[in-house]
Amino acid sequence: MRIVTSLLTMIPATPVLAEAYERPIPQVQSATAEFWYALACLALVLAMIAVQRLVASR
């Protein structure tokens, strides 16, 4: 029974079933996406400054 179980667990792990690796192709970033990314970065920096001031005042 152990042999049958081990064979059944090794069969799906054979490299024959594996697909070839395909490198992801980077997509072009639009100007709108860059604008929202810059806005999010500024919001993050402002939030970090607010937290620093809140912690420093305690």
N, C-alpha and C. Protein backbone atom coordinates (compact mmCIF):
# COMPACT_ATOMS: atom_id res chain seq x y z
N MET A 1 0.82 -1.19 0.00
CA MET A 1 0.00 0.00 0.00
C MET A 1 0.87 1.26 0.00
N ARG A 2 1.98 1.23 0.72
CA ARG A 2 2.87 2.38 0.74
C ARG A 2 3.45 2.66 -0.64
N ILE A 3 3.78 1.62 -1.35
CA ILE A 3 4.37 1.78 -2.68
C ILE A 3 3.36 2.41 -3.64
N VAL A 4 2.13 1.95 -3.57
CA VAL A 4 1.09 2.51 -4.43
C VAL A 4 0.86 3.98 -4.10
N THR A 5 0.81 4.30 -2.83
CA THR A 5 0.60 5.68 -2.41
C THR A 5 1.76 6.57 -2.85
N SER A 6 2.99 6.10 -2.68
CA SER A 6 4.13 6.91 -3.09
C SER A 6 4.18 7.09 -4.61
N LEU A 7 3.81 6.08 -5.35
CA LEU A 7 3.78 6.21 -6.81
C LEU A 7 2.70 7.20 -7.25
N LEU A 8 1.56 7.16 -6.59
CA LEU A 8 0.48 8.07 -6.95
C LEU A 8 0.82 9.52 -6.61
N THR A 9 1.62 9.74 -5.58
CA THR A 9 2.01 11.10 -5.24
C THR A 9 3.14 11.60 -6.12
N MET A 10 3.95 10.71 -6.68
CA MET A 10 5.07 11.14 -7.52
C MET A 10 4.65 11.37 -8.97
N ILE A 11 3.58 10.76 -9.41
CA ILE A 11 3.16 10.89 -10.80
C ILE A 11 2.83 12.35 -11.18
N PRO A 12 2.06 13.10 -10.38
CA PRO A 12 1.77 14.48 -10.79
C PRO A 12 3.00 15.40 -10.74
N ALA A 13 4.05 14.99 -10.07
CA ALA A 13 5.22 15.85 -9.92
C ALA A 13 6.24 15.65 -11.04
N THR A 14 5.91 14.90 -12.04
CA THR A 14 6.87 14.66 -13.12
C THR A 14 7.04 15.91 -13.96
N PRO A 15 8.24 16.19 -14.44
CA PRO A 15 8.47 17.39 -15.24
C PRO A 15 7.80 17.35 -16.61
N VAL A 16 7.28 16.21 -17.00
CA VAL A 16 6.60 16.12 -18.29
C VAL A 16 5.37 17.02 -18.30
N LEU A 17 4.74 17.17 -17.16
CA LEU A 17 3.53 17.97 -17.07
C LEU A 17 3.80 19.46 -16.90
N ALA A 18 5.05 19.84 -16.66
CA ALA A 18 5.38 21.24 -16.42
C ALA A 18 5.38 22.03 -17.72
N GLU A 19 4.92 23.27 -17.61
CA GLU A 19 4.93 24.16 -18.77
C GLU A 19 6.24 24.93 -18.81
N ALA A 20 6.62 25.37 -19.99
CA ALA A 20 7.83 26.17 -20.13
C ALA A 20 7.59 27.55 -19.52
N TYR A 21 8.63 28.11 -18.93
CA TYR A 21 8.53 29.42 -18.30
C TYR A 21 8.51 30.51 -19.37
N GLU A 22 7.55 31.41 -19.27
CA GLU A 22 7.48 32.54 -20.19
C GLU A 22 7.70 33.81 -19.39
N ARG A 23 8.69 34.59 -19.80
CA ARG A 23 8.98 35.84 -19.09
C ARG A 23 7.84 36.82 -19.29
N PRO A 24 7.47 37.53 -18.23
CA PRO A 24 6.42 38.54 -18.38
C PRO A 24 6.93 39.74 -19.17
N ILE A 25 6.09 40.27 -20.01
CA ILE A 25 6.45 41.44 -20.82
C ILE A 25 5.93 42.69 -20.10
N PRO A 26 6.82 43.65 -19.79
CA PRO A 26 6.35 44.86 -19.11
C PRO A 26 5.41 45.68 -20.00
N GLN A 27 4.38 46.20 -19.40
CA GLN A 27 3.41 47.00 -20.14
C GLN A 27 3.79 48.47 -20.08
N VAL A 28 3.36 49.21 -21.08
CA VAL A 28 3.63 50.65 -21.13
C VAL A 28 2.76 51.34 -20.10
N GLN A 29 3.35 52.31 -19.38
CA GLN A 29 2.60 53.05 -18.37
C GLN A 29 2.10 54.34 -18.97
N SER A 30 0.83 54.62 -18.79
CA SER A 30 0.23 55.82 -19.37
C SER A 30 0.53 57.04 -18.51
N ALA A 31 0.31 58.21 -19.07
CA ALA A 31 0.52 59.46 -18.33
C ALA A 31 -0.47 59.57 -17.18
N THR A 32 -1.67 59.06 -17.36
CA THR A 32 -2.67 59.09 -16.29
C THR A 32 -2.22 58.23 -15.11
N ALA A 33 -1.67 57.07 -15.41
CA ALA A 33 -1.19 56.19 -14.35
C ALA A 33 -0.02 56.84 -13.61
N GLU A 34 0.86 57.50 -14.34
CA GLU A 34 1.98 58.18 -13.68
C GLU A 34 1.49 59.31 -12.79
N PHE A 35 0.46 60.04 -13.23
CA PHE A 35 -0.10 61.12 -12.42
C PHE A 35 -0.66 60.58 -11.11
N TRP A 36 -1.46 59.49 -11.19
CA TRP A 36 -2.06 58.95 -9.98
C TRP A 36 -1.00 58.33 -9.06
N TYR A 37 0.06 57.78 -9.65
CA TYR A 37 1.15 57.24 -8.83
C TYR A 37 1.85 58.38 -8.08
N ALA A 38 2.11 59.48 -8.76
CA ALA A 38 2.75 60.63 -8.11
C ALA A 38 1.85 61.19 -7.01
N LEU A 39 0.56 61.26 -7.27
CA LEU A 39 -0.38 61.75 -6.26
C LEU A 39 -0.42 60.83 -5.05
N ALA A 40 -0.38 59.53 -5.28
CA ALA A 40 -0.37 58.57 -4.17
C ALA A 40 0.92 58.68 -3.37
N CYS A 41 2.04 58.91 -4.05
CA CYS A 41 3.31 59.08 -3.33
C CYS A 41 3.27 60.31 -2.44
N LEU A 42 2.74 61.40 -2.96
CA LEU A 42 2.64 62.62 -2.15
C LEU A 42 1.71 62.40 -0.96
N ALA A 43 0.61 61.71 -1.16
CA ALA A 43 -0.32 61.43 -0.06
C ALA A 43 0.35 60.57 1.00
N LEU A 44 1.16 59.61 0.57
CA LEU A 44 1.87 58.76 1.53
C LEU A 44 2.88 59.57 2.34
N VAL A 45 3.62 60.45 1.69
CA VAL A 45 4.60 61.28 2.39
C VAL A 45 3.89 62.20 3.38
N LEU A 46 2.77 62.80 2.97
CA LEU A 46 2.03 63.67 3.88
C LEU A 46 1.47 62.89 5.07
N ALA A 47 1.02 61.70 4.84
CA ALA A 47 0.51 60.87 5.94
C ALA A 47 1.64 60.50 6.91
N MET A 48 2.81 60.21 6.37
CA MET A 48 3.95 59.88 7.25
C MET A 48 4.37 61.09 8.07
N ILE A 49 4.33 62.28 7.49
CA ILE A 49 4.66 63.49 8.23
C ILE A 49 3.63 63.72 9.33
N ALA A 50 2.35 63.50 9.04
CA ALA A 50 1.30 63.68 10.04
C ALA A 50 1.47 62.70 11.19
N VAL A 51 1.81 61.46 10.89
CA VAL A 51 2.02 60.47 11.94
C VAL A 51 3.23 60.83 12.78
N GLN A 52 4.30 61.30 12.14
CA GLN A 52 5.51 61.68 12.89
C GLN A 52 5.20 62.83 13.84
N ARG A 53 4.45 63.82 13.39
CA ARG A 53 4.10 64.94 14.27
C ARG A 53 3.20 64.48 15.42
N LEU A 54 2.26 63.57 15.11
CA LEU A 54 1.35 63.07 16.15
C LEU A 54 2.14 62.30 17.21
N VAL A 55 3.09 61.48 16.80
CA VAL A 55 3.88 60.71 17.75
C VAL A 55 4.83 61.60 18.53
N ALA A 56 5.40 62.59 17.87
CA ALA A 56 6.36 63.47 18.54
C ALA A 56 5.66 64.35 19.58
N SER A 57 4.41 64.65 19.38
CA SER A 57 3.70 65.53 20.33
C SER A 57 3.30 64.81 21.61
N ARG A 58 3.37 63.52 21.65
CA ARG A 58 2.99 62.78 22.85
C ARG A 58 4.08 62.72 23.84
